[in-house]
Amino acid sequence: MPRKSGSERVLPLLPLLPLLAAGLISVGAYGSIPHDGLHPLALMASLLPLQLAALLYVFGRSPG
């Protein structure tokens, strides 16, 4: 079996970069919510970037 080069190993991971970035944004947004009173809308708003990136990842992939 031929050995894969570095660029062949990295290319399949490129579509995951927006998902990773959205996850970091969501964690940062959740971390900025005051902990004395957690509001459900603030929690949903902090998870919104991750949800949108997941939808983009799922529906943006070409079949096959």
C-alpha atoms as a PDB file:
ATOM      1  CA  MET A   1       0.000   0.000   0.000  1.00  0.00           C
ATOM      2  CA  PRO A   2       1.516   3.358  -1.001  1.00  0.00           C
ATOM      3  CA  ARG A   3       2.068   5.876   1.722  1.00  0.00           C
ATOM      4  CA  LYS A   4      -0.062   9.046   1.633  1.00  0.00           C
ATOM      5  CA  SER A   5       1.655  12.408   1.452  1.00  0.00           C
ATOM      6  CA  GLY A   6       0.944  15.185   3.924  1.00  0.00           C
ATOM      7  CA  SER A   7      -1.411  17.096   1.635  1.00  0.00           C
ATOM      8  CA  GLU A   8      -3.517  13.985   0.967  1.00  0.00           C
ATOM      9  CA  ARG A   9      -4.024  13.537   4.709  1.00  0.00           C
ATOM     10  CA  VAL A  10      -4.958  17.185   5.311  1.00  0.00           C
ATOM     11  CA  LEU A  11      -7.412  17.680   2.422  1.00  0.00           C
ATOM     12  CA  PRO A  12     -10.211  15.493   3.844  1.00  0.00           C
ATOM     13  CA  LEU A  13     -10.065  17.563   7.049  1.00  0.00           C
ATOM     14  CA  LEU A  14     -10.627  20.932   5.328  1.00  0.00           C
ATOM     15  CA  PRO A  15     -14.456  20.726   5.396  1.00  0.00           C
ATOM     16  CA  LEU A  16     -14.266  20.289   9.167  1.00  0.00           C
ATOM     17  CA  LEU A  17     -12.515  23.635   9.744  1.00  0.00           C
ATOM     18  CA  PRO A  18     -15.714  25.757   9.730  1.00  0.00           C
ATOM     19  CA  LEU A  19     -17.279  23.256  12.120  1.00  0.00           C
ATOM     20  CA  LEU A  20     -14.296  23.546  14.445  1.00  0.00           C
ATOM     21  CA  ALA A  21     -14.338  27.349  14.242  1.00  0.00           C
ATOM     22  CA  ALA A  22     -18.063  27.453  14.980  1.00  0.00           C
ATOM     23  CA  GLY A  23     -17.525  25.165  17.946  1.00  0.00           C
ATOM     24  CA  LEU A  24     -14.898  27.523  19.325  1.00  0.00           C
ATOM     25  CA  ILE A  25     -17.220  30.500  18.809  1.00  0.00           C
ATOM     26  CA  SER A  26     -20.015  28.646  20.607  1.00  0.00           C
ATOM     27  CA  VAL A  27     -17.771  27.785  23.541  1.00  0.00           C
ATOM     28  CA  GLY A  28     -16.600  31.397  23.757  1.00  0.00           C
ATOM     29  CA  ALA A  29     -20.148  32.710  23.611  1.00  0.00           C
ATOM     30  CA  TYR A  30     -21.282  30.254  26.278  1.00  0.00           C
ATOM     31  CA  GLY A  31     -18.353  31.220  28.468  1.00  0.00           C
ATOM     32  CA  SER A  32     -19.314  34.885  28.327  1.00  0.00           C
ATOM     33  CA  ILE A  33     -22.799  34.240  29.784  1.00  0.00           C
ATOM     34  CA  PRO A  34     -22.970  35.381  33.440  1.00  0.00           C
ATOM     35  CA  HIS A  35     -23.241  32.374  35.717  1.00  0.00           C
ATOM     36  CA  ASP A  36     -25.449  33.984  38.341  1.00  0.00           C
ATOM     37  CA  GLY A  37     -28.533  33.611  36.173  1.00  0.00           C
ATOM     38  CA  LEU A  38     -28.455  31.398  33.089  1.00  0.00           C
ATOM     39  CA  HIS A  39     -31.072  32.479  30.601  1.00  0.00           C
ATOM     40  CA  PRO A  40     -32.337  29.793  28.172  1.00  0.00           C
ATOM     41  CA  LEU A  41     -32.292  32.199  25.215  1.00  0.00           C
ATOM     42  CA  ALA A  42     -28.648  33.047  25.878  1.00  0.00           C
ATOM     43  CA  LEU A  43     -27.820  29.346  25.928  1.00  0.00           C
ATOM     44  CA  MET A  44     -29.631  28.759  22.628  1.00  0.00           C
ATOM     45  CA  ALA A  45     -27.948  31.801  21.075  1.00  0.00           C
ATOM     46  CA  SER A  46     -24.515  30.544  22.089  1.00  0.00           C
ATOM     47  CA  LEU A  47     -25.177  27.185  20.412  1.00  0.00           C
ATOM     48  CA  LEU A  48     -26.516  28.731  17.205  1.00  0.00           C
ATOM     49  CA  PRO A  49     -23.134  29.018  15.385  1.00  0.00           C
ATOM     50  CA  LEU A  50     -22.411  25.350  16.015  1.00  0.00           C
ATOM     51  CA  GLN A  51     -25.850  24.313  14.786  1.00  0.00           C
ATOM     52  CA  LEU A  52     -25.586  26.397  11.621  1.00  0.00           C
ATOM     53  CA  ALA A  53     -22.113  25.086  10.856  1.00  0.00           C
ATOM     54  CA  ALA A  54     -23.337  21.512  11.333  1.00  0.00           C
ATOM     55  CA  LEU A  55     -26.166  22.133   8.873  1.00  0.00           C
ATOM     56  CA  LEU A  56     -23.719  23.661   6.413  1.00  0.00           C
ATOM     57  CA  TYR A  57     -21.436  20.652   6.820  1.00  0.00           C
ATOM     58  CA  VAL A  58     -24.206  18.097   6.333  1.00  0.00           C
ATOM     59  CA  PHE A  59     -26.008  19.754   3.423  1.00  0.00           C
ATOM     60  CA  GLY A  60     -22.884  21.153   1.798  1.00  0.00           C
ATOM     61  CA  ARG A  61     -21.311  17.754   1.155  1.00  0.00           C
ATOM     62  CA  SER A  62     -21.787  16.388  -2.313  1.00  0.00           C
ATOM     63  CA  PRO A  63     -23.282  12.892  -2.460  1.00  0.00           C
ATOM     64  CA  GLY A  64     -20.863  10.184  -3.391  1.00  0.00           C
END
